[in-house]
Amino acid sequence: MKDNPQVAPTFSRRWTVAGIAAAAVAIAGATLAWHGHAHAFGPGHDRQGDWEQIDAETMGKRIEAMTAFRLADIDATPEQKSRIAAIMKGAANDLASLREQGLELRRRSAELLAAPTVDRAQLEALRVQQMQLRDTVSRRMLQARADAAEVLTPEQRAKLAERRMRRQERG
């Protein structure tokens, strides 16, 4: 059977385009995953758990970009995007005040683990403080997500939920 010269380039081009699209989605997903992790622990928290300095202007730009990206395909109005970005910026500002507290807890944890004698009681007390801090962050982020959800219509929220479920199914 002979190869059809018209079919091969089209088939090859489709796979090339699909590969590029998959790579773009993977990069975007990795970026959002990092962003999601970063915001879960407050502004300036990177994937390895280290704290970096991020000024309010840079954080605001990141939040606006993330908001625009996440709301792009649900037909959100410019006003909705602006309101949601403001909600998320408010949460980021609130959580920024916890930055030093989280950093200090990490320092104390490292010191306790490096000590000549491991003090399990102090480590446990420190773990409880870290969990309380994470609970505070989690509550504030839930409040921000609920506030943002109220800005959207039920149809828009359903579209976001559907997209989230598709992402979770893919792994």
N, C-alpha and C. Protein backbone atom coordinates (compact mmCIF):
# COMPACT_ATOMS: atom_id res chain seq x y z
N MET A 1 0.84 -1.17 0.00
CA MET A 1 0.00 0.00 0.00
C MET A 1 0.89 1.24 0.00
N LYS A 2 0.59 2.20 -0.83
CA LYS A 2 1.40 3.42 -0.97
C LYS A 2 0.96 4.46 0.06
N ASP A 3 1.94 5.21 0.51
CA ASP A 3 1.64 6.33 1.41
C ASP A 3 1.10 7.48 0.58
N ASN A 4 0.06 8.08 1.07
CA ASN A 4 -0.53 9.22 0.39
C ASN A 4 0.24 10.47 0.83
N PRO A 5 0.95 11.14 -0.08
CA PRO A 5 1.73 12.31 0.32
C PRO A 5 0.87 13.45 0.86
N GLN A 6 -0.41 13.48 0.52
CA GLN A 6 -1.28 14.54 1.03
C GLN A 6 -1.69 14.30 2.48
N VAL A 7 -1.76 13.02 2.88
CA VAL A 7 -2.22 12.69 4.22
C VAL A 7 -1.11 12.87 5.25
N ALA A 8 0.09 12.44 4.94
CA ALA A 8 1.19 12.46 5.91
C ALA A 8 1.48 13.85 6.48
N PRO A 9 1.64 14.89 5.66
CA PRO A 9 1.93 16.20 6.25
C PRO A 9 0.79 16.70 7.14
N THR A 10 -0.45 16.47 6.74
CA THR A 10 -1.58 16.93 7.54
C THR A 10 -1.60 16.20 8.88
N PHE A 11 -1.40 14.86 8.83
CA PHE A 11 -1.39 14.06 10.04
C PHE A 11 -0.24 14.50 10.94
N SER A 12 0.92 14.71 10.36
CA SER A 12 2.09 15.14 11.11
C SER A 12 1.87 16.52 11.72
N ARG A 13 1.29 17.43 10.95
CA ARG A 13 1.01 18.77 11.45
C ARG A 13 0.03 18.72 12.63
N ARG A 14 -0.97 17.86 12.52
CA ARG A 14 -1.95 17.75 13.61
C ARG A 14 -1.27 17.30 14.90
N TRP A 15 -0.39 16.31 14.79
CA TRP A 15 0.30 15.84 15.97
C TRP A 15 1.25 16.89 16.52
N THR A 16 1.87 17.64 15.65
CA THR A 16 2.77 18.71 16.10
C THR A 16 1.97 19.78 16.84
N VAL A 17 0.86 20.19 16.25
CA VAL A 17 0.00 21.20 16.89
C VAL A 17 -0.54 20.66 18.22
N ALA A 18 -0.95 19.39 18.23
CA ALA A 18 -1.46 18.79 19.46
C ALA A 18 -0.37 18.75 20.53
N GLY A 19 0.85 18.43 20.12
CA GLY A 19 1.97 18.41 21.06
C GLY A 19 2.27 19.77 21.64
N ILE A 20 2.26 20.78 20.77
CA ILE A 20 2.50 22.15 21.23
C ILE A 20 1.39 22.59 22.19
N ALA A 21 0.15 22.27 21.82
CA ALA A 21 -0.98 22.63 22.69
C ALA A 21 -0.87 21.93 24.04
N ALA A 22 -0.51 20.64 24.02
CA ALA A 22 -0.37 19.90 25.27
C ALA A 22 0.74 20.50 26.14
N ALA A 23 1.84 20.89 25.50
CA ALA A 23 2.94 21.50 26.25
C ALA A 23 2.49 22.83 26.85
N ALA A 24 1.75 23.62 26.09
CA ALA A 24 1.27 24.91 26.60
C ALA A 24 0.33 24.71 27.78
N VAL A 25 -0.56 23.72 27.67
CA VAL A 25 -1.48 23.43 28.77
C VAL A 25 -0.70 22.96 29.99
N ALA A 26 0.31 22.11 29.77
CA ALA A 26 1.12 21.62 30.90
C ALA A 26 1.84 22.76 31.60
N ILE A 27 2.40 23.67 30.80
CA ILE A 27 3.10 24.82 31.40
C ILE A 27 2.12 25.70 32.17
N ALA A 28 0.95 25.96 31.56
CA ALA A 28 -0.05 26.77 32.25
C ALA A 28 -0.51 26.08 33.53
N GLY A 29 -0.72 24.76 33.45
CA GLY A 29 -1.14 24.00 34.62
C GLY A 29 -0.11 24.04 35.73
N ALA A 30 1.15 23.88 35.34
CA ALA A 30 2.23 23.92 36.34
C ALA A 30 2.30 25.30 36.99
N THR A 31 2.13 26.34 36.18
CA THR A 31 2.15 27.70 36.71
C THR A 31 0.99 27.91 37.68
N LEU A 32 -0.21 27.45 37.29
CA LEU A 32 -1.36 27.61 38.17
C LEU A 32 -1.21 26.76 39.43
N ALA A 33 -0.64 25.57 39.28
CA ALA A 33 -0.44 24.73 40.46
C ALA A 33 0.50 25.43 41.44
N TRP A 34 1.58 26.02 40.92
CA TRP A 34 2.49 26.76 41.77
C TRP A 34 1.76 27.93 42.42
N HIS A 35 0.98 28.64 41.59
CA HIS A 35 0.24 29.78 42.11
C HIS A 35 -0.72 29.35 43.20
N GLY A 36 -1.44 28.26 42.92
CA GLY A 36 -2.39 27.77 43.91
C GLY A 36 -1.71 27.41 45.20
N HIS A 37 -0.58 26.75 45.12
CA HIS A 37 0.18 26.38 46.31
C HIS A 37 0.68 27.64 47.00
N ALA A 38 1.16 28.57 46.22
CA ALA A 38 1.70 29.80 46.80
C ALA A 38 0.62 30.54 47.58
N HIS A 39 -0.57 30.64 47.01
CA HIS A 39 -1.63 31.40 47.66
C HIS A 39 -2.23 30.64 48.83
N ALA A 40 -2.08 29.32 48.82
CA ALA A 40 -2.60 28.56 49.95
C ALA A 40 -1.86 28.91 51.24
N PHE A 41 -0.62 29.34 51.12
CA PHE A 41 0.16 29.68 52.30
C PHE A 41 0.45 31.16 52.37
N GLY A 42 -0.22 31.94 51.55
CA GLY A 42 -0.02 33.38 51.58
C GLY A 42 0.93 33.84 50.50
N PRO A 43 0.92 35.10 50.21
CA PRO A 43 1.77 35.64 49.16
C PRO A 43 3.24 35.42 49.46
N GLY A 44 3.98 35.07 48.46
CA GLY A 44 5.41 34.96 48.60
C GLY A 44 5.90 33.59 49.03
N HIS A 45 5.02 32.62 49.09
CA HIS A 45 5.41 31.29 49.51
C HIS A 45 5.65 30.45 48.25
N ASP A 46 6.85 29.90 48.10
CA ASP A 46 7.12 29.13 46.90
C ASP A 46 6.96 27.63 47.16
N ARG A 47 7.14 26.84 46.12
CA ARG A 47 6.86 25.41 46.15
C ARG A 47 7.71 24.65 47.17
N GLN A 48 8.91 25.07 47.42
CA GLN A 48 9.77 24.38 48.37
C GLN A 48 9.49 24.81 49.81
N GLY A 49 8.56 25.71 49.99
CA GLY A 49 8.24 26.17 51.34
C GLY A 49 9.07 27.35 51.78
N ASP A 50 9.87 27.89 50.88
CA ASP A 50 10.68 29.05 51.23
C ASP A 50 9.87 30.31 50.98
N TRP A 51 10.21 31.35 51.71
CA TRP A 51 9.51 32.62 51.56
C TRP A 51 10.33 33.54 50.68
N GLU A 52 9.65 34.20 49.78
CA GLU A 52 10.32 35.18 48.94
C GLU A 52 9.61 36.51 49.13
N GLN A 53 10.32 37.59 48.89
CA GLN A 53 9.73 38.91 49.02
C GLN A 53 8.97 39.24 47.73
N ILE A 54 7.72 39.55 47.87
CA ILE A 54 6.91 39.98 46.73
C ILE A 54 6.21 41.26 47.15
N ASP A 55 6.44 42.32 46.38
CA ASP A 55 5.80 43.58 46.72
C ASP A 55 4.33 43.54 46.31
N ALA A 56 3.57 44.45 46.88
CA ALA A 56 2.12 44.47 46.66
C ALA A 56 1.77 44.66 45.19
N GLU A 57 2.55 45.47 44.48
CA GLU A 57 2.27 45.73 43.07
C GLU A 57 2.44 44.46 42.24
N THR A 58 3.52 43.73 42.47
CA THR A 58 3.76 42.48 41.74
C THR A 58 2.69 41.47 42.06
N MET A 59 2.35 41.36 43.34
CA MET A 59 1.30 40.42 43.74
C MET A 59 -0.02 40.80 43.09
N GLY A 60 -0.33 42.07 43.05
CA GLY A 60 -1.56 42.53 42.41
C GLY A 60 -1.61 42.15 40.94
N LYS A 61 -0.50 42.31 40.25
CA LYS A 61 -0.44 41.93 38.83
C LYS A 61 -0.62 40.43 38.65
N ARG A 62 -0.01 39.66 39.53
CA ARG A 62 -0.17 38.19 39.44
C ARG A 62 -1.62 37.79 39.67
N ILE A 63 -2.25 38.41 40.64
CA ILE A 63 -3.64 38.09 40.94
C ILE A 63 -4.54 38.49 39.78
N GLU A 64 -4.31 39.66 39.20
CA GLU A 64 -5.12 40.08 38.05
C GLU A 64 -4.95 39.12 36.88
N ALA A 65 -3.72 38.68 36.61
CA ALA A 65 -3.47 37.75 35.51
C ALA A 65 -4.14 36.40 35.77
N MET A 66 -4.02 35.92 36.99
CA MET A 66 -4.63 34.64 37.33
C MET A 66 -6.15 34.73 37.25
N THR A 67 -6.70 35.82 37.71
CA THR A 67 -8.15 36.01 37.66
C THR A 67 -8.62 36.05 36.22
N ALA A 68 -7.94 36.81 35.38
CA ALA A 68 -8.31 36.89 33.97
C ALA A 68 -8.24 35.52 33.31
N PHE A 69 -7.20 34.76 33.62
CA PHE A 69 -7.04 33.43 33.03
C PHE A 69 -8.15 32.50 33.46
N ARG A 70 -8.43 32.46 34.75
CA ARG A 70 -9.42 31.52 35.27
C ARG A 70 -10.85 31.88 34.85
N LEU A 71 -11.09 33.16 34.58
CA LEU A 71 -12.45 33.57 34.22
C LEU A 71 -12.63 33.75 32.72
N ALA A 72 -11.60 33.48 31.94
CA ALA A 72 -11.62 33.77 30.51
C ALA A 72 -12.73 33.04 29.77
N ASP A 73 -12.94 31.78 30.05
CA ASP A 73 -13.88 31.02 29.24
C ASP A 73 -15.26 30.83 29.89
N ILE A 74 -15.58 31.66 30.87
CA ILE A 74 -16.92 31.58 31.46
C ILE A 74 -17.73 32.85 31.20
N ASP A 75 -17.24 33.65 30.28
CA ASP A 75 -17.93 34.88 29.89
C ASP A 75 -18.12 35.86 31.06
N ALA A 76 -17.12 35.98 31.89
CA ALA A 76 -17.17 36.95 32.98
C ALA A 76 -17.01 38.35 32.41
N THR A 77 -17.75 39.27 32.95
CA THR A 77 -17.68 40.65 32.49
C THR A 77 -16.43 41.31 33.07
N PRO A 78 -15.99 42.41 32.48
CA PRO A 78 -14.85 43.14 33.05
C PRO A 78 -15.11 43.55 34.50
N GLU A 79 -16.34 43.93 34.81
CA GLU A 79 -16.67 44.31 36.18
C GLU A 79 -16.52 43.12 37.13
N GLN A 80 -16.98 41.94 36.72
CA GLN A 80 -16.83 40.75 37.55
C GLN A 80 -15.35 40.43 37.78
N LYS A 81 -14.58 40.49 36.71
CA LYS A 81 -13.14 40.21 36.82
C LYS A 81 -12.48 41.19 37.79
N SER A 82 -12.85 42.45 37.68
CA SER A 82 -12.28 43.48 38.54
C SER A 82 -12.67 43.26 40.00
N ARG A 83 -13.93 42.95 40.23
CA ARG A 83 -14.40 42.72 41.60
C ARG A 83 -13.73 41.50 42.23
N ILE A 84 -13.60 40.43 41.45
CA ILE A 84 -12.98 39.21 41.97
C ILE A 84 -11.49 39.45 42.22
N ALA A 85 -10.83 40.16 41.33
CA ALA A 85 -9.42 40.48 41.55
C ALA A 85 -9.26 41.28 42.84
N ALA A 86 -10.18 42.23 43.08
CA ALA A 86 -10.11 43.03 44.31
C ALA A 86 -10.31 42.15 45.55
N ILE A 87 -11.21 41.19 45.46
CA ILE A 87 -11.44 40.27 46.59
C ILE A 87 -10.17 39.46 46.86
N MET A 88 -9.56 38.95 45.80
CA MET A 88 -8.36 38.13 45.97
C MET A 88 -7.17 38.98 46.46
N LYS A 89 -7.09 40.21 45.99
CA LYS A 89 -6.02 41.10 46.48
C LYS A 89 -6.22 41.38 47.97
N GLY A 90 -7.46 41.58 48.37
CA GLY A 90 -7.73 41.80 49.79
C GLY A 90 -7.30 40.60 50.64
N ALA A 91 -7.58 39.40 50.15
CA ALA A 91 -7.17 38.20 50.87
C ALA A 91 -5.65 38.11 50.92
N ALA A 92 -5.00 38.39 49.80
CA ALA A 92 -3.53 38.34 49.76
C ALA A 92 -2.93 39.35 50.74
N ASN A 93 -3.51 40.52 50.80
CA ASN A 93 -3.02 41.54 51.75
C ASN A 93 -3.21 41.09 53.19
N ASP A 94 -4.37 40.49 53.47
CA ASP A 94 -4.63 39.99 54.82
C ASP A 94 -3.63 38.90 55.19
N LEU A 95 -3.34 38.03 54.25
CA LEU A 95 -2.45 36.90 54.52
C LEU A 95 -0.98 37.32 54.57
N ALA A 96 -0.67 38.42 53.94
CA ALA A 96 0.72 38.90 53.95
C ALA A 96 1.18 39.18 55.38
N SER A 97 0.26 39.58 56.22
CA SER A 97 0.62 39.87 57.61
C SER A 97 1.03 38.60 58.36
N LEU A 98 0.66 37.46 57.85
CA LEU A 98 1.02 36.19 58.49
C LEU A 98 2.37 35.66 58.03
N ARG A 99 2.96 36.34 57.05
CA ARG A 99 4.22 35.89 56.46
C ARG A 99 5.32 35.71 57.49
N GLU A 100 5.54 36.74 58.29
CA GLU A 100 6.62 36.70 59.28
C GLU A 100 6.35 35.62 60.32
N GLN A 101 5.11 35.47 60.68
CA GLN A 101 4.74 34.45 61.65
C GLN A 101 5.08 33.06 61.11
N GLY A 102 4.74 32.79 59.86
CA GLY A 102 5.06 31.50 59.25
C GLY A 102 6.55 31.27 59.15
N LEU A 103 7.27 32.31 58.79
CA LEU A 103 8.72 32.22 58.68
C LEU A 103 9.35 31.91 60.03
N GLU A 104 8.87 32.55 61.07
CA GLU A 104 9.40 32.31 62.41
C GLU A 104 9.12 30.88 62.86
N LEU A 105 7.95 30.38 62.57
CA LEU A 105 7.62 28.99 62.94
C LEU A 105 8.54 28.01 62.22
N ARG A 106 8.84 28.28 60.97
CA ARG A 106 9.75 27.40 60.22
C ARG A 106 11.17 27.47 60.80
N ARG A 107 11.61 28.66 61.18
CA ARG A 107 12.94 28.81 61.79
C ARG A 107 13.04 28.03 63.10
N ARG A 108 12.01 28.19 63.93
CA ARG A 108 12.01 27.49 65.22
C ARG A 108 11.99 25.98 65.03
N SER A 109 11.24 25.52 64.04
CA SER A 109 11.18 24.09 63.75
C SER A 109 12.56 23.56 63.35
N ALA A 110 13.23 24.30 62.48
CA ALA A 110 14.57 23.89 62.04
C ALA A 110 15.54 23.86 63.22
N GLU A 111 15.44 24.86 64.10
CA GLU A 111 16.32 24.90 65.27
C GLU A 111 16.08 23.71 66.19
N LEU A 112 14.80 23.40 66.42
CA LEU A 112 14.48 22.28 67.30
C LEU A 112 14.98 20.95 66.73
N LEU A 113 14.86 20.80 65.44
CA LEU A 113 15.30 19.55 64.82
C LEU A 113 16.82 19.45 64.73
N ALA A 114 17.51 20.57 64.78
CA ALA A 114 18.97 20.57 64.71
C ALA A 114 19.61 20.53 66.09
N ALA A 115 18.83 20.64 67.13
CA ALA A 115 19.35 20.66 68.49
C ALA A 115 20.00 19.32 68.85
N PRO A 116 20.94 19.33 69.80
CA PRO A 116 21.58 18.09 70.23
C PRO A 116 20.58 17.05 70.76
N THR A 117 19.54 17.54 71.44
CA THR A 117 18.48 16.66 71.94
C THR A 117 17.16 17.09 71.31
N VAL A 118 16.44 16.12 70.78
CA VAL A 118 15.15 16.41 70.15
C VAL A 118 14.09 16.53 71.23
N ASP A 119 13.49 17.71 71.33
CA ASP A 119 12.43 17.95 72.31
C ASP A 119 11.08 17.76 71.62
N ARG A 120 10.54 16.58 71.78
CA ARG A 120 9.29 16.23 71.08
C ARG A 120 8.11 17.08 71.56
N ALA A 121 8.09 17.45 72.80
CA ALA A 121 6.99 18.27 73.32
C ALA A 121 7.00 19.65 72.66
N GLN A 122 8.18 20.25 72.53
CA GLN A 122 8.27 21.55 71.87
C GLN A 122 7.92 21.43 70.38
N LEU A 123 8.38 20.34 69.76
CA LEU A 123 8.04 20.13 68.35
C LEU A 123 6.53 19.99 68.16
N GLU A 124 5.89 19.28 69.07
CA GLU A 124 4.44 19.12 68.98
C GLU A 124 3.73 20.45 69.18
N ALA A 125 4.18 21.24 70.14
CA ALA A 125 3.59 22.56 70.36
C ALA A 125 3.75 23.44 69.12
N LEU A 126 4.90 23.35 68.53
CA LEU A 126 5.17 24.12 67.31
C LEU A 126 4.28 23.64 66.16
N ARG A 127 4.11 22.32 66.06
CA ARG A 127 3.23 21.78 65.02
C ARG A 127 1.80 22.29 65.19
N VAL A 128 1.35 22.36 66.41
CA VAL A 128 0.00 22.87 66.68
C VAL A 128 -0.11 24.33 66.23
N GLN A 129 0.91 25.13 66.52
CA GLN A 129 0.91 26.53 66.08
C GLN A 129 0.89 26.62 64.55
N GLN A 130 1.67 25.77 63.89
CA GLN A 130 1.69 25.78 62.43
C GLN A 130 0.33 25.41 61.86
N MET A 131 -0.32 24.42 62.47
CA MET A 131 -1.65 24.02 62.00
C MET A 131 -2.67 25.13 62.23
N GLN A 132 -2.55 25.84 63.34
CA GLN A 132 -3.46 26.96 63.60
C GLN A 132 -3.26 28.05 62.56
N LEU A 133 -2.01 28.32 62.22
CA LEU A 133 -1.72 29.32 61.19
C LEU A 133 -2.30 28.89 59.85
N ARG A 134 -2.10 27.63 59.50
CA ARG A 134 -2.66 27.13 58.23
C ARG A 134 -4.18 27.18 58.24
N ASP A 135 -4.78 26.90 59.40
CA ASP A 135 -6.24 26.98 59.51
C ASP A 135 -6.72 28.40 59.28
N THR A 136 -6.00 29.37 59.83
CA THR A 136 -6.33 30.78 59.63
C THR A 136 -6.26 31.14 58.15
N VAL A 137 -5.19 30.69 57.50
CA VAL A 137 -5.02 30.95 56.06
C VAL A 137 -6.15 30.28 55.28
N SER A 138 -6.43 29.04 55.61
CA SER A 138 -7.47 28.30 54.91
C SER A 138 -8.84 28.97 55.04
N ARG A 139 -9.15 29.44 56.26
CA ARG A 139 -10.43 30.13 56.47
C ARG A 139 -10.52 31.40 55.64
N ARG A 140 -9.43 32.15 55.60
CA ARG A 140 -9.44 33.42 54.84
C ARG A 140 -9.59 33.15 53.36
N MET A 141 -8.92 32.12 52.86
CA MET A 141 -9.02 31.79 51.44
C MET A 141 -10.43 31.28 51.10
N LEU A 142 -11.03 30.51 51.99
CA LEU A 142 -12.40 30.05 51.75
C LEU A 142 -13.34 31.24 51.70
N GLN A 143 -13.14 32.19 52.60
CA GLN A 143 -13.97 33.39 52.60
C GLN A 143 -13.81 34.13 51.26
N ALA A 144 -12.59 34.26 50.79
CA ALA A 144 -12.36 34.96 49.51
C ALA A 144 -13.01 34.20 48.36
N ARG A 145 -12.89 32.88 48.36
CA ARG A 145 -13.50 32.09 47.27
C ARG A 145 -15.02 32.21 47.30
N ALA A 146 -15.60 32.20 48.49
CA ALA A 146 -17.05 32.35 48.61
C ALA A 146 -17.49 33.75 48.15
N ASP A 147 -16.74 34.76 48.56
CA ASP A 147 -17.05 36.13 48.12
C ASP A 147 -16.97 36.23 46.60
N ALA A 148 -15.95 35.63 46.02
CA ALA A 148 -15.78 35.66 44.56
C ALA A 148 -16.91 34.90 43.88
N ALA A 149 -17.31 33.78 44.45
CA ALA A 149 -18.40 32.99 43.86
C ALA A 149 -19.70 33.78 43.82
N GLU A 150 -19.92 34.61 44.83
CA GLU A 150 -21.14 35.42 44.85
C GLU A 150 -21.16 36.49 43.77
N VAL A 151 -20.01 36.83 43.23
CA VAL A 151 -19.93 37.82 42.15
C VAL A 151 -20.40 37.20 40.84
N LEU A 152 -20.22 35.89 40.71
CA LEU A 152 -20.56 35.19 39.47
C LEU A 152 -22.02 34.74 39.47
N THR A 153 -22.53 34.50 38.28
CA THR A 153 -23.87 33.95 38.15
C THR A 153 -23.83 32.45 38.43
N PRO A 154 -24.98 31.85 38.72
CA PRO A 154 -25.00 30.39 38.92
C PRO A 154 -24.46 29.63 37.69
N GLU A 155 -24.74 30.13 36.50
CA GLU A 155 -24.26 29.47 35.28
C GLU A 155 -22.73 29.55 35.20
N GLN A 156 -22.17 30.69 35.55
CA GLN A 156 -20.72 30.84 35.52
C GLN A 156 -20.06 29.94 36.56
N ARG A 157 -20.66 29.86 37.74
CA ARG A 157 -20.12 28.97 38.77
C ARG A 157 -20.17 27.52 38.32
N ALA A 158 -21.24 27.16 37.64
CA ALA A 158 -21.37 25.78 37.13
C ALA A 158 -20.28 25.49 36.09
N LYS A 159 -20.00 26.46 35.23
CA LYS A 159 -18.93 26.28 34.23
C LYS A 159 -17.58 26.10 34.91
N LEU A 160 -17.31 26.91 35.92
CA LEU A 160 -16.05 26.78 36.66
C LEU A 160 -15.96 25.42 37.34
N ALA A 161 -17.04 24.98 37.95
CA ALA A 161 -17.04 23.68 38.63
C ALA A 161 -16.82 22.55 37.63
N GLU A 162 -17.45 22.66 36.48
CA GLU A 162 -17.28 21.64 35.44
C GLU A 162 -15.82 21.58 34.98
N ARG A 163 -15.23 22.74 34.76
CA ARG A 163 -13.83 22.79 34.33
C ARG A 163 -12.92 22.22 35.41
N ARG A 164 -13.20 22.52 36.67
CA ARG A 164 -12.41 21.99 37.78
C ARG A 164 -12.50 20.47 37.82
N MET A 165 -13.70 19.94 37.61
CA MET A 165 -13.89 18.49 37.63
C MET A 165 -13.11 17.84 36.48
N ARG A 166 -13.13 18.44 35.32
CA ARG A 166 -12.37 17.88 34.18
C ARG A 166 -10.88 17.86 34.49
N ARG A 167 -10.38 18.92 35.12
CA ARG A 167 -8.95 18.96 35.50
C ARG A 167 -8.64 17.87 36.51
N GLN A 168 -9.52 17.66 37.48
CA GLN A 168 -9.28 16.65 38.50
C GLN A 168 -9.31 15.24 37.90
N GLU A 169 -10.17 15.02 36.93
CA GLU A 169 -10.24 13.72 36.28
C GLU A 169 -8.97 13.40 35.53
N ARG A 170 -8.34 14.44 34.96
CA ARG A 170 -7.10 14.23 34.21
C ARG A 170 -5.91 13.99 35.14
N GLY A 171 -6.09 14.35 36.39
CA GLY A 171 -5.01 14.11 37.35
C GLY A 171 -4.27 15.28 37.68
